[in-house]
Protein backbone atom coordinates (compact mmCIF):
# COMPACT_ATOMS: atom_id res chain seq x y z
CA MET A 1 108.41 113.23 74.22
CA SER A 2 106.78 116.11 73.40
CA ALA A 3 103.12 116.38 74.94
CA VAL A 4 101.54 118.62 72.27
CA LEU A 5 98.01 118.10 72.31
CA GLU A 6 96.78 116.40 68.74
CA HIS A 7 92.93 116.87 67.59
CA PRO A 8 91.26 113.98 67.50
CA ARG A 9 91.04 112.74 63.50
CA PRO A 10 86.96 113.39 62.61
CA HIS A 11 86.79 110.19 60.35
CA ALA A 12 87.55 107.92 63.11
CA VAL A 13 83.81 106.72 64.44
CA LEU A 14 83.48 103.88 66.48
CA ARG A 15 80.27 101.74 66.08
CA LYS A 16 77.32 103.70 67.61
CA PRO A 17 75.24 102.13 70.41
CA ARG A 18 72.01 103.01 71.57
CA GLY A 19 72.23 105.94 74.30
CA ALA A 20 70.89 104.84 77.67
CA LYS A 21 67.80 105.92 79.12
CA ILE A 22 68.43 106.48 82.81
CA ASP A 23 65.57 106.59 85.32
CA VAL A 24 66.44 107.55 89.34
CA ASP A 25 63.03 107.65 91.01
CA GLY A 26 62.80 108.53 94.75
CA VAL A 27 66.24 108.05 95.80
CA SER A 28 67.43 109.11 98.90
CA HIS A 29 70.77 108.15 100.59
CA PHE A 30 72.44 107.84 103.72
CA PHE A 31 76.07 107.47 104.78
CA ASP A 32 76.86 105.81 108.13
CA VAL A 33 78.88 107.76 110.43
CA SER A 34 79.94 106.34 113.45
CA GLY A 35 76.49 105.13 113.93
CA SER A 36 74.46 107.87 112.77
CA LYS A 37 72.83 108.41 109.77
CA LEU A 38 74.42 111.58 107.44
CA PRO A 39 71.43 112.25 105.12
CA VAL A 40 73.23 112.79 101.55
CA LEU A 41 70.67 112.89 98.78
CA ASP A 42 66.63 113.61 99.65
CA SER A 43 63.95 112.19 97.26
CA VAL A 44 65.63 112.67 93.72
CA ASP A 45 63.99 111.80 90.61
CA LEU A 46 66.06 112.39 87.43
CA HIS A 47 65.58 110.95 84.33
CA VAL A 48 68.03 111.14 81.26
CA GLN A 49 66.61 110.23 77.86
CA PRO A 50 68.88 107.90 75.42
CA GLY A 51 71.41 110.29 73.59
CA GLU A 52 71.32 113.09 76.11
CA PHE A 53 74.03 115.20 77.57
CA VAL A 54 73.15 116.39 81.42
CA ALA A 55 74.80 118.37 83.70
CA LEU A 56 74.91 118.33 87.44
CA LEU A 57 75.58 121.65 89.30
CA GLY A 58 75.60 122.12 93.10
CA PRO A 59 77.30 123.07 95.98
CA SER A 60 80.93 121.35 96.91
CA GLY A 61 79.67 118.42 98.67
CA CYS A 62 76.03 118.28 98.30
CA GLY A 63 75.70 114.54 97.05
CA LYS A 64 76.37 115.21 92.96
CA SER A 65 79.49 112.51 93.07
CA THR A 66 77.24 109.93 95.30
CA LEU A 67 74.26 110.18 93.10
CA LEU A 68 76.92 109.38 89.91
CA ARG A 69 78.40 106.40 92.00
CA LEU A 70 74.50 105.36 92.39
CA VAL A 71 73.93 105.05 88.70
CA ALA A 72 77.02 103.99 87.82
CA GLY A 73 76.03 100.69 90.34
CA LEU A 74 78.91 101.29 92.79
CA GLU A 75 76.74 101.77 95.48
CA TRP A 76 73.16 100.78 96.50
CA ALA A 77 70.53 103.29 97.28
CA THR A 78 69.21 103.68 100.55
CA LYS A 79 65.84 104.55 99.19
CA GLY A 80 64.38 104.56 95.77
CA ARG A 81 64.89 102.93 92.31
CA LEU A 82 67.45 103.57 89.92
CA ALA A 83 67.02 101.82 86.44
CA HIS A 84 69.06 101.44 83.10
CA ASP A 85 66.97 100.95 80.23
CA GLY A 86 64.05 99.83 82.54
CA GLU A 87 66.65 97.01 84.22
CA LEU A 88 67.48 97.75 87.84
CA ILE A 89 71.02 99.19 88.62
CA SER A 90 71.65 96.53 91.15
CA ARG A 91 75.79 96.38 90.57
CA PRO A 92 78.67 97.89 87.85
CA ASP A 93 78.18 97.22 84.13
CA PRO A 94 80.47 97.81 81.16
CA SER A 95 77.71 99.62 79.46
CA ARG A 96 78.24 102.35 82.39
CA ILE A 97 81.55 103.69 82.41
CA VAL A 98 82.84 106.36 84.81
CA VAL A 99 85.57 108.76 84.02
CA PHE A 100 86.90 110.29 87.15
CA GLN A 101 88.95 113.27 87.61
CA ASP A 102 92.03 111.47 87.96
CA PRO A 103 92.82 109.26 85.04
CA THR A 104 94.46 106.52 87.15
CA LEU A 105 96.40 105.15 84.44
CA PHE A 106 98.61 102.05 85.20
CA PRO A 107 102.57 103.63 84.48
CA TRP A 108 103.94 100.64 83.49
CA ARG A 109 101.29 99.70 80.97
CA THR A 110 101.52 101.69 77.65
CA VAL A 111 98.81 103.60 76.31
CA ARG A 112 97.86 100.93 73.88
CA ASP A 113 97.67 98.45 77.06
CA ASN A 114 95.81 100.74 79.17
CA VAL A 115 93.29 101.63 76.99
CA ALA A 116 92.77 97.78 76.55
CA LEU A 117 92.60 96.74 80.13
CA GLY A 118 88.54 96.42 79.91
CA LEU A 119 88.25 94.28 76.79
CA GLN A 120 91.43 92.14 78.50
CA ALA A 121 89.42 91.67 81.76
CA ARG A 122 86.20 90.61 79.97
CA GLY A 123 88.39 88.00 78.13
CA VAL A 124 87.58 89.94 74.63
CA LEU A 125 90.97 91.56 73.65
CA SER A 126 91.80 88.74 71.30
CA THR A 127 89.01 89.21 69.20
CA GLN A 128 87.99 92.47 69.78
CA SER A 129 91.57 94.24 69.62
CA ALA A 130 90.76 96.58 66.57
CA ARG A 131 88.33 98.31 69.00
CA VAL A 132 91.34 99.83 70.85
CA ASP A 133 92.93 101.26 67.33
CA GLU A 134 89.61 102.72 66.87
CA ALA A 135 89.10 104.35 70.89
CA LEU A 136 92.88 106.10 70.03
CA ALA A 137 91.84 107.17 66.68
CA LEU A 138 88.56 108.77 68.15
CA VAL A 139 90.78 110.91 70.74
CA GLY A 140 93.52 111.46 68.59
CA LEU A 141 96.25 109.38 70.18
CA THR A 142 97.34 107.04 67.66
CA GLU A 143 100.54 107.89 67.36
CA PHE A 144 101.09 107.91 71.16
CA ALA A 145 99.83 103.93 71.66
CA ASN A 146 103.08 102.75 72.34
CA VAL A 147 104.31 105.58 74.66
CA HIS A 148 103.66 104.93 78.44
CA PRO A 149 101.77 107.55 81.04
CA HIS A 150 105.01 109.70 82.14
CA GLN A 151 105.22 111.08 78.76
CA LEU A 152 101.72 112.19 78.37
CA SER A 153 100.80 115.97 79.17
CA GLY A 154 97.61 116.27 81.53
CA GLY A 155 94.85 116.30 78.40
CA MET A 156 96.43 113.70 76.82
CA ALA A 157 96.34 111.30 79.67
CA GLN A 158 92.64 112.15 80.46
CA ARG A 159 92.05 111.38 76.70
CA VAL A 160 93.58 107.92 77.53
CA ALA A 161 91.15 107.71 80.20
CA LEU A 162 88.06 108.73 77.79
CA ALA A 163 89.52 106.05 75.12
CA ARG A 164 89.89 103.52 77.87
CA ALA A 165 86.14 104.18 78.84
CA LEU A 166 84.88 104.31 75.18
CA VAL A 167 86.71 101.03 73.68
CA ASN A 168 83.56 99.37 75.91
CA ASP A 169 80.72 100.66 73.43
CA PRO A 170 79.32 102.94 76.86
CA SER A 171 75.53 103.33 76.25
CA LEU A 172 76.24 105.68 79.25
CA LEU A 173 79.27 108.03 80.35
CA VAL A 174 79.41 109.17 83.70
CA LEU A 175 81.86 112.27 84.22
CA ASP A 176 83.05 113.09 87.49
CA GLU A 177 84.60 116.26 87.46
CA PRO A 178 86.70 114.92 84.46
CA LEU A 179 88.52 117.88 83.69
CA GLY A 180 88.94 119.54 86.97
CA LYS A 181 92.80 119.27 87.35
CA LEU A 182 93.79 120.12 83.90
CA ASP A 183 94.63 123.91 82.77
CA SER A 184 92.32 126.47 81.63
CA LEU A 185 93.25 126.10 77.98
CA THR A 186 93.56 122.58 78.12
CA ARG A 187 90.49 122.50 79.99
CA MET A 188 88.42 124.10 76.84
CA THR A 189 89.86 121.85 74.62
CA MET A 190 88.74 119.02 76.37
CA GLN A 191 85.39 120.38 76.57
CA SER A 192 84.81 120.57 72.88
CA GLU A 193 86.41 116.95 72.23
CA LEU A 194 83.98 115.55 75.38
CA VAL A 195 81.05 117.12 73.14
CA SER A 196 82.56 115.89 69.65
CA LEU A 197 83.10 112.05 71.17
CA TRP A 198 79.18 112.47 72.51
CA GLN A 199 77.88 113.55 69.31
CA ARG A 200 79.72 110.34 67.21
CA ALA A 201 79.71 107.66 69.49
CA GLY A 202 76.34 108.10 70.45
CA PHE A 203 76.34 107.37 74.52
CA SER A 204 73.89 109.39 76.68
CA ALA A 205 76.47 111.57 79.28
CA LEU A 206 76.07 112.34 83.25
CA LEU A 207 78.30 114.91 84.14
CA VAL A 208 79.19 116.55 87.34
CA THR A 209 81.10 120.04 87.44
CA HIS A 210 81.64 122.66 89.36
CA ASP A 211 81.87 125.08 86.47
CA VAL A 212 78.66 126.98 85.40
CA GLU A 213 80.31 127.39 82.08
CA GLU A 214 81.59 124.20 81.61
CA ALA A 215 78.14 123.03 82.18
CA LEU A 216 76.06 125.55 79.93
CA PHE A 217 78.85 124.78 77.09
CA MET A 218 78.53 121.37 76.90
CA ALA A 219 75.32 119.98 78.22
CA GLN A 220 71.74 119.90 77.04
CA ARG A 221 70.04 120.31 80.30
CA ILE A 222 71.87 121.25 83.58
CA VAL A 223 70.01 120.04 86.64
CA VAL A 224 70.77 122.15 89.77
CA LEU A 225 70.96 120.77 93.36
CA SER A 226 70.59 122.15 96.76
CA PRO A 227 73.02 121.64 99.71
CA ARG A 228 73.56 118.65 101.28
CA PRO A 229 71.00 116.43 101.19
CA ALA A 230 70.64 117.30 97.41
CA ARG A 231 67.11 117.64 95.79
CA ILE A 232 66.59 118.96 92.44
CA VAL A 233 66.22 122.78 92.92
CA ALA A 234 65.68 123.71 89.32
CA GLU A 235 66.46 122.45 85.77
CA ILE A 236 67.91 124.42 82.83
CA GLN A 237 67.16 123.56 79.36
CA ASN A 238 70.11 124.57 76.99
CA ASP A 239 68.75 124.41 73.24
CA LEU A 240 71.51 126.30 71.94
CA PRO A 241 73.09 124.39 68.69
CA TYR A 242 76.48 122.68 68.59
CA PRO A 243 79.27 123.86 68.19
CA ARG A 244 78.86 126.61 70.73
CA HIS A 245 80.30 129.66 70.95
CA ARG A 246 81.27 131.00 74.63
CA GLY A 247 80.55 134.20 73.65
CA HIS A 248 77.12 134.01 72.83
CA PRO A 249 74.85 136.18 74.61
CA ARG A 250 72.32 133.41 75.37
CA LEU A 251 75.06 131.27 77.57
CA ALA A 252 75.66 134.64 79.53
CA GLU A 253 71.96 134.84 80.15
CA LEU A 254 71.90 131.21 81.24
CA ARG A 255 74.96 131.64 83.04
CA HIS A 256 73.43 134.36 85.18
CA GLU A 257 70.04 131.85 85.70
CA ALA A 258 72.42 129.32 86.98
CA LEU A 259 74.06 131.26 89.52
CA ARG A 260 71.04 132.72 90.64
CA LEU A 261 69.85 129.24 91.38
CA LEU A 262 73.27 128.65 93.15
CA GLY A 263 72.73 131.79 95.44
CA LEU A 264 75.77 133.52 93.83
CA ASP A 265 73.92 136.36 91.38
CA GLU A 266 75.05 139.15 93.63
CA SER A 267 78.63 138.52 92.97
CA TRP A 268 77.98 138.61 89.21
């Protein structure tokens, strides 16, 4: 079967949840390595407003993904407090969904069945099955509902992962390098589609990426982190309206500023 990318249908809209307010206050984190403490995060304070799109930039291995795992409730911080709409984050929750670099689809299940996993696990699929169709329509995969993952391109597989996340009506989408394994053209297409999904579905978004251009193209605010143990070095506000154009001179200015903060401006 052809794996040609299909653009999402603009009229397909999920019910809009209220975006999450996320508060990270004084969070430090250590890994236990052979009985020694390896510092990963150092007194991080981060606040995501409802419906905001925030990107995290920093050197490889600085602790960005660890911070995402703490926000998602997959790990417990060594020190500090994380809250979702004022409630302490102590465990994973369907309102906070993580989308990883690898789509991790079950190869024996169809696209529809992969998307339905969350509803099935919660025991509500029989009453909310229409949400599967809504999510598939939102990411432009209605016609591929009954195919299997091996019949999809990389971009389409990542769309399935997004639909699997959106079917749960998340108030926060946690994006851990979700486009990192895609070719450059597919990646640019998916960047635009992710922004469109965020605008239509109404969730808050927290993105980790090593790609400065990706962060500036997608996010409203870019948080720059230091080498490990990560601390916040600076924040860049990007008030350019959507849809954004990659050749806009303001993006070039912000790009140079981000590279300067990362210590890379002399090479550009």
